Each structure stands twice: as C-alpha cells, then as structure tokens.
Amino acid sequence: MSMRSGASVLIRRIIAFGCVLACLLAATAIAGAQEIVLQCDAAQTAADFNLGDSLHTVKGSFALKSGEIHFDPATEKISGEIVFDATSGQSGNKGRDRKMHKDVLESAQYPEIRFRPDRLEGKVAASGTSSVQVHGMFRIHGAEHEITAPTDVTPQADHWNVSSHFSVPYAKWGMKNPSLLFLRVGNSVDITFHGTCAVASLVAR
C-alpha cells in the first residue's frame, strides 16, 4: 500500500469514527435524561412566509432576533422563547414591504414576533429525524394565540436542526388583509421555520 493510499484510508477511518462519536454523544444526551439547552444561530435560522392564492404569491422572510429552547427528554417538557424581528420582514419589493410594515404588521408599534413552546407531543429519537407536534403561544401584532406546529427535529452532538410549518390566520387575528396592497391574497399566511440550534449546555436532572 502506498503512503498516499494509506493516508486516505486513515482519513476515512477518522471521519467515520467522528460520525459514530457524534451520534453516540447525541444519543447519550437524550438517553441520559439531561435537560438540553439549545441556542438558535441567527445566521442559520429564519422564518419564511408565503402569502397568496392561485393568482398571486408573495414570498419573504423574517430574521431571528434571539432563540433559546430548554428540552427535557425524560419528561418531554419544553420551554424557552424564539423571537423574530418583525421590522426585518422583507419580500423583495421595497414599496410593498413599506406598506406591509405600516398597514398590516404595524411593526413600528409591534417590533417583535415571539413563540413560546410549552408542550411537545411525540418522541425525539437519539438519531435521525423525528416528527413531533410542538404546542405553544405565538405572539404577533400585540396579541397571543395558541398554536400547534408540526416540527421535524434532527439531533446532532453539538447542534440540532429544526424545521416547522404552520399557518397564521392573520385576518382572523385582527390584521388587515393586504389584498389591495399585494393584489389578491388569502386570509392566512404560511410560515416555515428552519433553524440550526447549538447545544449550549446539558443540565443533569
């Protein structure tokens, strides 16, 4: 075996060992009944929105302001808060976005969108992707609303990948339907949350 091929085999073995170790660490954290504290990375976390009907669609996103989640695998208790900057909402059209902020979100008065999880339904496996339901309070435009969001969770040794999709009936919740601003749109907006959250600490129970 040449020196180059030998080094290549060694590198592959090191990478494989690292992958196995990462899976074992994630499994140990979950199986060990430790409270896991997750901090969302603003650079890799966002809330995308999709507003429209068969005639017209408006897409955009909101930037993360802060996010910390506490999860106890033993009791499946979840808490914490994820905060998005309502003033950061953008759809790629400056004129439309100005009207959205002024007439719909009123983001100067209500600059934050918050979600506080309080219950998780389902099991988070030590490896792979788990599909669960996350219940909590969603605060937008100065009022709180109860929601349950289907969520996919993929735990790793040093971070968790999380994605969720839910609908916000903004017109029913007291915000103006922007059809006159954005042409014709529906009375609800689809939200897709996707984030990478670092494992900040493991707290023994």
N, C-alpha and C. Protein backbone atom coordinates (compact mmCIF):
# COMPACT_ATOMS: atom_id res chain seq x y z
N MET A 1 0.85 -1.19 0.00
CA MET A 1 0.00 0.00 0.00
C MET A 1 0.89 1.24 0.00
N SER A 2 0.60 2.19 -0.88
CA SER A 2 1.40 3.40 -0.96
C SER A 2 1.11 4.30 0.22
N MET A 3 2.00 5.28 0.45
CA MET A 3 1.81 6.21 1.55
C MET A 3 0.55 7.04 1.34
N ARG A 4 0.26 7.41 0.07
CA ARG A 4 -0.92 8.24 -0.22
C ARG A 4 -2.20 7.46 0.06
N SER A 5 -2.26 6.20 -0.41
CA SER A 5 -3.47 5.41 -0.20
C SER A 5 -3.65 5.09 1.29
N GLY A 6 -2.52 4.86 1.97
CA GLY A 6 -2.60 4.60 3.41
C GLY A 6 -3.15 5.80 4.17
N ALA A 7 -2.72 6.99 3.79
CA ALA A 7 -3.21 8.21 4.43
C ALA A 7 -4.69 8.40 4.15
N SER A 8 -5.10 8.07 2.91
CA SER A 8 -6.50 8.21 2.53
C SER A 8 -7.39 7.29 3.37
N VAL A 9 -6.94 6.05 3.57
CA VAL A 9 -7.70 5.11 4.40
C VAL A 9 -7.79 5.61 5.82
N LEU A 10 -6.67 6.15 6.34
CA LEU A 10 -6.66 6.65 7.71
C LEU A 10 -7.63 7.81 7.87
N ILE A 11 -7.66 8.72 6.90
CA ILE A 11 -8.57 9.87 6.96
C ILE A 11 -10.02 9.41 6.95
N ARG A 12 -10.33 8.43 6.10
CA ARG A 12 -11.70 7.92 6.03
C ARG A 12 -12.10 7.28 7.36
N ARG A 13 -11.17 6.58 7.98
CA ARG A 13 -11.46 5.95 9.27
C ARG A 13 -11.69 6.99 10.35
N ILE A 14 -10.90 8.06 10.33
CA ILE A 14 -11.06 9.14 11.31
C ILE A 14 -12.42 9.81 11.14
N ILE A 15 -12.80 10.06 9.88
CA ILE A 15 -14.10 10.68 9.60
C ILE A 15 -15.23 9.78 10.06
N ALA A 16 -15.12 8.49 9.76
CA ALA A 16 -16.15 7.54 10.17
C ALA A 16 -16.26 7.48 11.69
N PHE A 17 -15.10 7.46 12.36
CA PHE A 17 -15.10 7.43 13.82
C PHE A 17 -15.75 8.70 14.38
N GLY A 18 -15.46 9.85 13.75
CA GLY A 18 -16.05 11.11 14.20
C GLY A 18 -17.56 11.09 14.07
N CYS A 19 -18.07 10.53 12.97
CA CYS A 19 -19.51 10.46 12.76
C CYS A 19 -20.17 9.55 13.81
N VAL A 20 -19.53 8.42 14.06
CA VAL A 20 -20.07 7.49 15.08
C VAL A 20 -20.05 8.15 16.45
N LEU A 21 -18.96 8.85 16.78
CA LEU A 21 -18.84 9.51 18.08
C LEU A 21 -19.91 10.59 18.24
N ALA A 22 -20.16 11.35 17.17
CA ALA A 22 -21.19 12.39 17.22
C ALA A 22 -22.55 11.79 17.51
N CYS A 23 -22.87 10.68 16.84
CA CYS A 23 -24.16 10.00 17.07
C CYS A 23 -24.25 9.49 18.50
N LEU A 24 -23.13 8.94 19.02
CA LEU A 24 -23.13 8.42 20.37
C LEU A 24 -23.32 9.54 21.40
N LEU A 25 -22.70 10.69 21.16
CA LEU A 25 -22.84 11.81 22.07
C LEU A 25 -24.27 12.32 22.10
N ALA A 26 -24.88 12.42 20.91
CA ALA A 26 -26.28 12.86 20.84
C ALA A 26 -27.19 11.87 21.55
N ALA A 27 -26.94 10.58 21.32
CA ALA A 27 -27.77 9.56 21.96
C ALA A 27 -27.60 9.58 23.46
N THR A 28 -26.36 9.80 23.93
CA THR A 28 -26.10 9.83 25.37
C THR A 28 -26.82 11.00 26.02
N ALA A 29 -26.83 12.15 25.36
CA ALA A 29 -27.50 13.32 25.92
C ALA A 29 -28.98 13.07 26.09
N ILE A 30 -29.61 12.42 25.10
CA ILE A 30 -31.04 12.16 25.17
C ILE A 30 -31.33 11.03 26.14
N ALA A 31 -30.60 9.92 26.01
CA ALA A 31 -30.86 8.77 26.87
C ALA A 31 -30.48 9.06 28.31
N GLY A 32 -29.55 9.98 28.53
CA GLY A 32 -29.09 10.27 29.88
C GLY A 32 -30.03 11.15 30.67
N ALA A 33 -31.18 11.47 30.12
CA ALA A 33 -32.20 12.25 30.83
C ALA A 33 -31.66 13.58 31.32
N GLN A 34 -30.89 14.25 30.49
CA GLN A 34 -30.38 15.56 30.83
C GLN A 34 -31.23 16.62 30.13
N GLU A 35 -31.42 17.74 30.80
CA GLU A 35 -32.08 18.86 30.14
C GLU A 35 -31.12 19.45 29.11
N ILE A 36 -31.58 19.63 27.91
CA ILE A 36 -30.76 20.15 26.83
C ILE A 36 -31.14 21.60 26.58
N VAL A 37 -30.14 22.46 26.57
CA VAL A 37 -30.36 23.88 26.29
C VAL A 37 -29.85 24.18 24.89
N LEU A 38 -30.73 24.64 24.04
CA LEU A 38 -30.40 24.93 22.65
C LEU A 38 -30.47 26.43 22.39
N GLN A 39 -29.46 26.94 21.71
CA GLN A 39 -29.44 28.35 21.32
C GLN A 39 -29.39 28.44 19.80
N CYS A 40 -30.38 29.12 19.25
CA CYS A 40 -30.51 29.21 17.79
C CYS A 40 -29.48 30.17 17.20
N ASP A 41 -28.89 29.77 16.10
CA ASP A 41 -27.89 30.56 15.40
C ASP A 41 -28.61 31.50 14.43
N ALA A 42 -28.49 32.81 14.65
CA ALA A 42 -29.19 33.79 13.83
C ALA A 42 -28.79 33.70 12.35
N ALA A 43 -27.55 33.30 12.10
CA ALA A 43 -27.08 33.22 10.72
C ALA A 43 -27.67 32.03 9.97
N GLN A 44 -28.19 31.04 10.72
CA GLN A 44 -28.71 29.83 10.09
C GLN A 44 -30.17 29.57 10.46
N THR A 45 -30.85 30.60 10.92
CA THR A 45 -32.24 30.46 11.35
C THR A 45 -33.08 31.59 10.77
N ALA A 46 -34.26 31.26 10.26
CA ALA A 46 -35.14 32.27 9.69
C ALA A 46 -36.57 31.74 9.68
N ALA A 47 -37.51 32.66 9.49
CA ALA A 47 -38.91 32.30 9.30
C ALA A 47 -39.32 32.81 7.93
N ASP A 48 -39.61 31.90 7.02
CA ASP A 48 -40.04 32.27 5.67
C ASP A 48 -41.55 32.34 5.64
N PHE A 49 -42.09 33.28 4.87
CA PHE A 49 -43.54 33.35 4.73
C PHE A 49 -43.94 33.26 3.28
N ASN A 50 -45.14 32.71 3.07
CA ASN A 50 -45.70 32.53 1.74
C ASN A 50 -47.16 32.97 1.80
N LEU A 51 -47.48 34.03 1.10
CA LEU A 51 -48.82 34.62 1.15
C LEU A 51 -49.37 34.70 -0.26
N GLY A 52 -50.51 34.03 -0.49
CA GLY A 52 -51.05 34.12 -1.83
C GLY A 52 -52.19 33.18 -2.10
N ASP A 53 -52.62 33.16 -3.38
CA ASP A 53 -53.62 32.22 -3.85
C ASP A 53 -53.23 31.79 -5.24
N SER A 54 -54.15 31.28 -6.01
CA SER A 54 -53.82 30.76 -7.33
C SER A 54 -53.40 31.85 -8.32
N LEU A 55 -53.70 33.10 -8.00
CA LEU A 55 -53.40 34.18 -8.93
C LEU A 55 -52.09 34.89 -8.63
N HIS A 56 -51.72 34.92 -7.34
CA HIS A 56 -50.54 35.71 -6.99
C HIS A 56 -49.93 35.18 -5.70
N THR A 57 -48.62 35.20 -5.61
CA THR A 57 -47.92 34.72 -4.41
C THR A 57 -46.85 35.72 -4.01
N VAL A 58 -46.80 36.02 -2.72
CA VAL A 58 -45.76 36.88 -2.17
C VAL A 58 -44.94 36.03 -1.20
N LYS A 59 -43.62 36.01 -1.39
CA LYS A 59 -42.73 35.25 -0.53
C LYS A 59 -41.73 36.19 0.13
N GLY A 60 -41.35 35.85 1.35
CA GLY A 60 -40.38 36.67 2.06
C GLY A 60 -39.89 35.98 3.31
N SER A 61 -39.25 36.74 4.18
CA SER A 61 -38.69 36.13 5.39
C SER A 61 -38.52 37.16 6.50
N PHE A 62 -38.40 36.65 7.73
CA PHE A 62 -38.10 37.45 8.90
C PHE A 62 -36.80 36.92 9.52
N ALA A 63 -35.99 37.83 10.04
CA ALA A 63 -34.71 37.44 10.64
C ALA A 63 -34.89 37.12 12.13
N LEU A 64 -34.10 36.17 12.59
CA LEU A 64 -34.11 35.81 14.01
C LEU A 64 -33.47 36.91 14.86
N LYS A 65 -34.10 37.20 15.99
CA LYS A 65 -33.54 38.16 16.94
C LYS A 65 -32.86 37.42 18.09
N SER A 66 -33.52 36.40 18.60
CA SER A 66 -32.93 35.57 19.65
C SER A 66 -33.73 34.28 19.74
N GLY A 67 -33.11 33.26 20.31
CA GLY A 67 -33.82 32.00 20.45
C GLY A 67 -33.11 31.05 21.39
N GLU A 68 -33.80 30.62 22.43
CA GLU A 68 -33.25 29.63 23.36
C GLU A 68 -34.36 28.67 23.76
N ILE A 69 -34.08 27.38 23.64
CA ILE A 69 -35.05 26.34 23.95
C ILE A 69 -34.48 25.40 25.02
N HIS A 70 -35.31 25.06 26.00
CA HIS A 70 -34.95 24.08 27.02
C HIS A 70 -35.82 22.85 26.81
N PHE A 71 -35.16 21.68 26.71
CA PHE A 71 -35.90 20.45 26.46
C PHE A 71 -35.41 19.35 27.38
N ASP A 72 -36.36 18.70 28.07
CA ASP A 72 -36.04 17.59 28.97
C ASP A 72 -36.53 16.30 28.31
N PRO A 73 -35.62 15.46 27.80
CA PRO A 73 -36.04 14.22 27.11
C PRO A 73 -36.81 13.25 28.00
N ALA A 74 -36.53 13.29 29.30
CA ALA A 74 -37.18 12.34 30.20
C ALA A 74 -38.67 12.65 30.37
N THR A 75 -38.99 13.94 30.49
CA THR A 75 -40.38 14.34 30.72
C THR A 75 -41.03 14.91 29.47
N GLU A 76 -40.19 15.17 28.44
CA GLU A 76 -40.63 15.80 27.19
C GLU A 76 -41.17 17.21 27.45
N LYS A 77 -40.73 17.81 28.55
CA LYS A 77 -41.11 19.18 28.84
C LYS A 77 -40.26 20.12 28.00
N ILE A 78 -40.88 21.14 27.45
CA ILE A 78 -40.16 22.09 26.60
C ILE A 78 -40.54 23.51 27.01
N SER A 79 -39.57 24.40 26.97
CA SER A 79 -39.82 25.80 27.32
C SER A 79 -38.82 26.66 26.58
N GLY A 80 -38.87 27.96 26.83
CA GLY A 80 -37.98 28.89 26.16
C GLY A 80 -38.74 29.87 25.30
N GLU A 81 -38.02 30.51 24.39
CA GLU A 81 -38.67 31.51 23.53
C GLU A 81 -37.83 31.74 22.28
N ILE A 82 -38.52 31.88 21.17
CA ILE A 82 -37.89 32.25 19.90
C ILE A 82 -38.47 33.59 19.47
N VAL A 83 -37.60 34.55 19.19
CA VAL A 83 -38.03 35.91 18.88
C VAL A 83 -37.53 36.30 17.49
N PHE A 84 -38.46 36.75 16.66
CA PHE A 84 -38.10 37.26 15.34
C PHE A 84 -38.32 38.76 15.28
N ASP A 85 -37.50 39.42 14.49
CA ASP A 85 -37.58 40.86 14.31
C ASP A 85 -38.66 41.17 13.27
N ALA A 86 -39.81 41.67 13.72
CA ALA A 86 -40.90 41.96 12.79
C ALA A 86 -40.51 43.04 11.79
N THR A 87 -39.63 43.96 12.20
CA THR A 87 -39.23 45.05 11.31
C THR A 87 -38.32 44.56 10.18
N SER A 88 -37.80 43.33 10.30
CA SER A 88 -36.89 42.79 9.28
C SER A 88 -37.64 42.14 8.13
N GLY A 89 -38.96 41.99 8.25
CA GLY A 89 -39.73 41.31 7.21
C GLY A 89 -39.53 41.95 5.85
N GLN A 90 -39.22 41.12 4.87
CA GLN A 90 -38.98 41.64 3.52
C GLN A 90 -39.43 40.61 2.49
N SER A 91 -39.94 41.12 1.37
CA SER A 91 -40.42 40.26 0.29
C SER A 91 -39.74 40.56 -1.04
N GLY A 92 -38.73 41.44 -0.99
CA GLY A 92 -38.00 41.77 -2.21
C GLY A 92 -38.54 42.96 -2.97
N ASN A 93 -39.59 43.60 -2.46
CA ASN A 93 -40.17 44.77 -3.10
C ASN A 93 -40.28 45.86 -2.04
N LYS A 94 -39.46 46.89 -2.12
CA LYS A 94 -39.38 47.89 -1.06
C LYS A 94 -40.70 48.62 -0.84
N GLY A 95 -41.39 48.99 -1.92
CA GLY A 95 -42.66 49.68 -1.77
C GLY A 95 -43.70 48.81 -1.10
N ARG A 96 -43.79 47.57 -1.51
CA ARG A 96 -44.73 46.63 -0.92
C ARG A 96 -44.40 46.36 0.54
N ASP A 97 -43.09 46.25 0.84
CA ASP A 97 -42.68 45.98 2.21
C ASP A 97 -42.99 47.17 3.13
N ARG A 98 -42.84 48.38 2.64
CA ARG A 98 -43.18 49.55 3.45
C ARG A 98 -44.65 49.53 3.83
N LYS A 99 -45.51 49.18 2.86
CA LYS A 99 -46.95 49.12 3.14
C LYS A 99 -47.28 47.96 4.07
N MET A 100 -46.57 46.84 3.91
CA MET A 100 -46.78 45.70 4.79
C MET A 100 -46.49 46.08 6.24
N HIS A 101 -45.37 46.77 6.46
CA HIS A 101 -44.99 47.15 7.81
C HIS A 101 -45.92 48.22 8.39
N LYS A 102 -46.33 49.15 7.56
CA LYS A 102 -47.17 50.25 8.03
C LYS A 102 -48.62 49.84 8.23
N ASP A 103 -49.20 49.10 7.29
CA ASP A 103 -50.64 48.86 7.29
C ASP A 103 -51.06 47.48 7.78
N VAL A 104 -50.16 46.50 7.76
CA VAL A 104 -50.54 45.14 8.15
C VAL A 104 -49.89 44.76 9.48
N LEU A 105 -48.57 44.68 9.49
CA LEU A 105 -47.86 44.29 10.71
C LEU A 105 -47.81 45.40 11.75
N GLU A 106 -47.83 46.65 11.28
CA GLU A 106 -47.63 47.80 12.17
C GLU A 106 -46.40 47.55 13.03
N SER A 107 -45.31 47.21 12.36
CA SER A 107 -44.11 46.74 13.05
C SER A 107 -43.41 47.83 13.86
N ALA A 108 -43.67 49.10 13.57
CA ALA A 108 -43.09 50.15 14.42
C ALA A 108 -43.67 50.08 15.82
N GLN A 109 -44.94 49.67 15.91
CA GLN A 109 -45.61 49.55 17.21
C GLN A 109 -45.43 48.16 17.81
N TYR A 110 -45.34 47.14 16.94
CA TYR A 110 -45.18 45.75 17.39
C TYR A 110 -43.94 45.16 16.73
N PRO A 111 -42.74 45.49 17.24
CA PRO A 111 -41.50 45.16 16.53
C PRO A 111 -41.02 43.71 16.66
N GLU A 112 -41.73 42.89 17.45
CA GLU A 112 -41.27 41.52 17.64
C GLU A 112 -42.39 40.51 17.40
N ILE A 113 -41.98 39.35 16.90
CA ILE A 113 -42.86 38.19 16.76
C ILE A 113 -42.25 37.10 17.63
N ARG A 114 -43.05 36.55 18.56
CA ARG A 114 -42.50 35.62 19.56
C ARG A 114 -43.25 34.29 19.56
N PHE A 115 -42.51 33.23 19.84
CA PHE A 115 -43.13 31.93 20.06
C PHE A 115 -42.56 31.31 21.32
N ARG A 116 -43.45 30.92 22.24
CA ARG A 116 -43.05 30.28 23.49
C ARG A 116 -43.61 28.86 23.54
N PRO A 117 -42.78 27.85 23.26
CA PRO A 117 -43.26 26.46 23.31
C PRO A 117 -43.52 26.04 24.75
N ASP A 118 -44.57 25.24 24.96
CA ASP A 118 -44.86 24.77 26.31
C ASP A 118 -45.18 23.28 26.39
N ARG A 119 -45.31 22.63 25.23
CA ARG A 119 -45.62 21.20 25.26
C ARG A 119 -45.17 20.53 23.96
N LEU A 120 -44.64 19.34 24.08
CA LEU A 120 -44.21 18.57 22.91
C LEU A 120 -44.96 17.25 22.89
N GLU A 121 -45.52 16.90 21.75
CA GLU A 121 -46.23 15.64 21.58
C GLU A 121 -45.45 14.78 20.60
N GLY A 122 -45.05 13.59 21.06
CA GLY A 122 -44.22 12.72 20.24
C GLY A 122 -42.88 12.48 20.90
N LYS A 123 -42.07 11.63 20.29
CA LYS A 123 -40.78 11.27 20.84
C LYS A 123 -39.65 11.79 19.94
N VAL A 124 -38.63 12.35 20.59
CA VAL A 124 -37.43 12.77 19.86
C VAL A 124 -36.41 11.65 19.98
N ALA A 125 -36.12 11.00 18.86
CA ALA A 125 -35.17 9.89 18.85
C ALA A 125 -33.74 10.41 19.00
N ALA A 126 -32.86 9.52 19.46
CA ALA A 126 -31.46 9.90 19.67
C ALA A 126 -30.72 10.17 18.37
N SER A 127 -31.21 9.60 17.28
CA SER A 127 -30.57 9.83 15.97
C SER A 127 -31.65 9.87 14.90
N GLY A 128 -31.28 10.43 13.77
CA GLY A 128 -32.24 10.55 12.68
C GLY A 128 -33.20 11.71 12.91
N THR A 129 -34.19 11.82 12.05
CA THR A 129 -35.17 12.90 12.13
C THR A 129 -36.46 12.41 12.76
N SER A 130 -36.92 13.12 13.76
CA SER A 130 -38.18 12.79 14.45
C SER A 130 -39.23 13.84 14.10
N SER A 131 -40.44 13.40 13.84
CA SER A 131 -41.56 14.30 13.57
C SER A 131 -42.43 14.39 14.81
N VAL A 132 -42.57 15.59 15.34
CA VAL A 132 -43.32 15.80 16.58
C VAL A 132 -44.28 16.98 16.38
N GLN A 133 -45.12 17.21 17.38
CA GLN A 133 -46.02 18.36 17.41
C GLN A 133 -45.59 19.26 18.57
N VAL A 134 -45.35 20.53 18.28
CA VAL A 134 -44.95 21.47 19.32
C VAL A 134 -46.08 22.47 19.55
N HIS A 135 -46.56 22.49 20.79
CA HIS A 135 -47.65 23.39 21.17
C HIS A 135 -47.06 24.60 21.89
N GLY A 136 -47.66 25.77 21.71
CA GLY A 136 -47.17 26.94 22.41
C GLY A 136 -47.98 28.17 22.09
N MET A 137 -47.49 29.32 22.56
CA MET A 137 -48.15 30.60 22.36
C MET A 137 -47.37 31.44 21.36
N PHE A 138 -48.07 31.90 20.35
CA PHE A 138 -47.48 32.68 19.26
C PHE A 138 -47.98 34.12 19.40
N ARG A 139 -47.04 35.05 19.57
CA ARG A 139 -47.40 36.45 19.78
C ARG A 139 -47.02 37.29 18.56
N ILE A 140 -48.02 37.95 17.99
CA ILE A 140 -47.81 38.80 16.83
C ILE A 140 -48.82 39.94 16.88
N HIS A 141 -48.40 41.13 16.47
CA HIS A 141 -49.31 42.28 16.42
C HIS A 141 -49.92 42.57 17.79
N GLY A 142 -49.13 42.30 18.85
CA GLY A 142 -49.55 42.65 20.20
C GLY A 142 -50.49 41.68 20.88
N ALA A 143 -50.77 40.52 20.27
CA ALA A 143 -51.70 39.56 20.87
C ALA A 143 -51.13 38.15 20.79
N GLU A 144 -51.49 37.33 21.80
CA GLU A 144 -51.02 35.94 21.83
C GLU A 144 -52.10 35.00 21.31
N HIS A 145 -51.63 33.95 20.61
CA HIS A 145 -52.54 32.97 20.03
C HIS A 145 -51.94 31.58 20.25
N GLU A 146 -52.80 30.62 20.55
CA GLU A 146 -52.39 29.25 20.78
C GLU A 146 -52.23 28.51 19.45
N ILE A 147 -51.10 27.87 19.26
CA ILE A 147 -50.88 27.11 18.03
C ILE A 147 -50.22 25.78 18.36
N THR A 148 -50.36 24.83 17.44
CA THR A 148 -49.62 23.57 17.47
C THR A 148 -48.97 23.39 16.11
N ALA A 149 -47.66 23.27 16.10
CA ALA A 149 -46.90 23.25 14.85
C ALA A 149 -46.24 21.90 14.61
N PRO A 150 -46.50 21.25 13.46
CA PRO A 150 -45.74 20.04 13.10
C PRO A 150 -44.27 20.40 12.94
N THR A 151 -43.40 19.64 13.57
CA THR A 151 -41.98 20.00 13.62
C THR A 151 -41.10 18.78 13.40
N ASP A 152 -40.06 18.95 12.58
CA ASP A 152 -39.06 17.91 12.38
C ASP A 152 -37.79 18.29 13.13
N VAL A 153 -37.27 17.34 13.91
CA VAL A 153 -36.10 17.58 14.75
C VAL A 153 -35.02 16.55 14.43
N THR A 154 -33.80 17.02 14.17
CA THR A 154 -32.67 16.13 13.90
C THR A 154 -31.54 16.48 14.86
N PRO A 155 -31.37 15.69 15.94
CA PRO A 155 -30.31 15.99 16.91
C PRO A 155 -28.93 15.53 16.44
N GLN A 156 -27.95 16.38 16.68
CA GLN A 156 -26.54 16.05 16.47
C GLN A 156 -25.80 16.28 17.78
N ALA A 157 -24.53 15.96 17.81
CA ALA A 157 -23.77 16.08 19.05
C ALA A 157 -23.69 17.52 19.54
N ASP A 158 -23.42 18.46 18.64
CA ASP A 158 -23.22 19.85 19.06
C ASP A 158 -24.31 20.80 18.60
N HIS A 159 -25.28 20.32 17.83
CA HIS A 159 -26.38 21.18 17.39
C HIS A 159 -27.58 20.33 16.99
N TRP A 160 -28.73 20.97 16.94
CA TRP A 160 -29.95 20.33 16.45
C TRP A 160 -30.47 21.12 15.26
N ASN A 161 -30.93 20.41 14.24
CA ASN A 161 -31.60 21.05 13.12
C ASN A 161 -33.12 20.93 13.33
N VAL A 162 -33.81 22.04 13.20
CA VAL A 162 -35.25 22.08 13.47
C VAL A 162 -35.96 22.76 12.31
N SER A 163 -37.07 22.19 11.88
CA SER A 163 -37.90 22.83 10.86
C SER A 163 -39.36 22.63 11.21
N SER A 164 -40.17 23.65 10.94
CA SER A 164 -41.58 23.60 11.30
C SER A 164 -42.39 24.39 10.29
N HIS A 165 -43.63 23.96 10.11
CA HIS A 165 -44.51 24.65 9.15
C HIS A 165 -45.89 24.80 9.78
N PHE A 166 -46.44 26.00 9.71
CA PHE A 166 -47.78 26.24 10.24
C PHE A 166 -48.40 27.45 9.54
N SER A 167 -49.70 27.60 9.73
CA SER A 167 -50.44 28.67 9.07
C SER A 167 -50.87 29.71 10.10
N VAL A 168 -50.76 30.97 9.73
CA VAL A 168 -51.19 32.08 10.60
C VAL A 168 -52.40 32.76 9.96
N PRO A 169 -53.59 32.65 10.58
CA PRO A 169 -54.79 33.31 10.04
C PRO A 169 -54.81 34.79 10.43
N TYR A 170 -53.94 35.57 9.81
CA TYR A 170 -53.68 36.94 10.26
C TYR A 170 -54.93 37.82 10.23
N ALA A 171 -55.80 37.62 9.24
CA ALA A 171 -57.02 38.43 9.16
C ALA A 171 -57.93 38.14 10.35
N LYS A 172 -58.04 36.86 10.70
CA LYS A 172 -58.85 36.45 11.85
C LYS A 172 -58.26 36.98 13.14
N TRP A 173 -56.95 37.17 13.16
CA TRP A 173 -56.27 37.64 14.35
C TRP A 173 -56.20 39.17 14.43
N GLY A 174 -56.92 39.85 13.57
CA GLY A 174 -57.05 41.30 13.70
C GLY A 174 -56.16 42.15 12.82
N MET A 175 -55.41 41.53 11.92
CA MET A 175 -54.58 42.31 10.99
C MET A 175 -55.31 42.49 9.66
N LYS A 176 -54.97 43.53 8.96
CA LYS A 176 -55.65 43.84 7.71
C LYS A 176 -55.27 42.85 6.61
N ASN A 177 -56.26 42.46 5.82
CA ASN A 177 -55.97 41.68 4.62
C ASN A 177 -55.35 42.62 3.59
N PRO A 178 -54.14 42.31 3.12
CA PRO A 178 -53.43 43.23 2.23
C PRO A 178 -53.75 43.06 0.75
N SER A 179 -54.90 42.52 0.42
CA SER A 179 -55.22 42.28 -0.99
C SER A 179 -55.11 43.54 -1.83
N LEU A 180 -55.54 44.67 -1.29
CA LEU A 180 -55.46 45.92 -2.05
C LEU A 180 -54.02 46.37 -2.25
N LEU A 181 -53.12 45.86 -1.36
CA LEU A 181 -51.71 46.23 -1.46
C LEU A 181 -50.93 45.25 -2.32
N PHE A 182 -51.22 43.97 -2.16
CA PHE A 182 -50.44 42.92 -2.81
C PHE A 182 -51.24 42.24 -3.93
N LEU A 183 -52.18 42.90 -4.51
CA LEU A 183 -53.14 42.29 -5.44
C LEU A 183 -54.05 41.38 -4.62
N ARG A 184 -54.29 40.18 -5.04
CA ARG A 184 -55.25 39.32 -4.36
C ARG A 184 -54.54 38.22 -3.59
N VAL A 185 -54.79 38.16 -2.29
CA VAL A 185 -54.17 37.14 -1.45
C VAL A 185 -55.20 36.55 -0.51
N GLY A 186 -54.84 35.44 0.13
CA GLY A 186 -55.74 34.77 1.06
C GLY A 186 -55.73 35.44 2.42
N ASN A 187 -56.53 34.88 3.34
CA ASN A 187 -56.65 35.43 4.68
C ASN A 187 -55.69 34.81 5.68
N SER A 188 -54.80 33.94 5.22
CA SER A 188 -53.80 33.35 6.10
C SER A 188 -52.45 33.31 5.38
N VAL A 189 -51.41 33.23 6.16
CA VAL A 189 -50.06 33.19 5.60
C VAL A 189 -49.37 31.92 6.10
N ASP A 190 -48.67 31.23 5.22
CA ASP A 190 -47.93 30.02 5.59
C ASP A 190 -46.54 30.41 6.09
N ILE A 191 -46.17 29.88 7.25
CA ILE A 191 -44.87 30.17 7.85
C ILE A 191 -44.05 28.89 7.88
N THR A 192 -42.81 28.98 7.44
CA THR A 192 -41.87 27.86 7.54
C THR A 192 -40.67 28.32 8.36
N PHE A 193 -40.51 27.70 9.52
CA PHE A 193 -39.37 27.99 10.38
C PHE A 193 -38.29 26.95 10.13
N HIS A 194 -37.07 27.39 9.93
CA HIS A 194 -35.95 26.45 9.80
C HIS A 194 -34.75 27.03 10.53
N GLY A 195 -34.15 26.19 11.37
CA GLY A 195 -33.07 26.72 12.17
C GLY A 195 -32.04 25.68 12.57
N THR A 196 -30.86 26.18 12.90
CA THR A 196 -29.80 25.37 13.48
C THR A 196 -29.54 25.91 14.87
N CYS A 197 -29.70 25.05 15.86
CA CYS A 197 -29.59 25.48 17.25
C CYS A 197 -28.45 24.73 17.94
N ALA A 198 -27.48 25.47 18.44
CA ALA A 198 -26.33 24.87 19.10
C ALA A 198 -26.72 24.30 20.46
N VAL A 199 -26.11 23.17 20.81
CA VAL A 199 -26.29 22.60 22.15
C VAL A 199 -25.42 23.43 23.09
N ALA A 200 -26.06 24.37 23.81
CA ALA A 200 -25.32 25.28 24.67
C ALA A 200 -24.86 24.61 25.96
N SER A 201 -25.71 23.74 26.50
CA SER A 201 -25.34 23.04 27.73
C SER A 201 -26.25 21.85 27.95
N LEU A 202 -25.77 20.93 28.78
CA LEU A 202 -26.54 19.77 29.22
C LEU A 202 -26.64 19.86 30.74
N VAL A 203 -27.86 19.93 31.24
CA VAL A 203 -28.08 20.11 32.67
C VAL A 203 -28.59 18.79 33.27
N ALA A 204 -27.83 18.21 34.18
CA ALA A 204 -28.23 16.96 34.82
C ALA A 204 -29.48 17.17 35.64
N ARG A 205 -30.37 16.18 35.60
CA ARG A 205 -31.61 16.27 36.36
C ARG A 205 -31.39 15.73 37.77
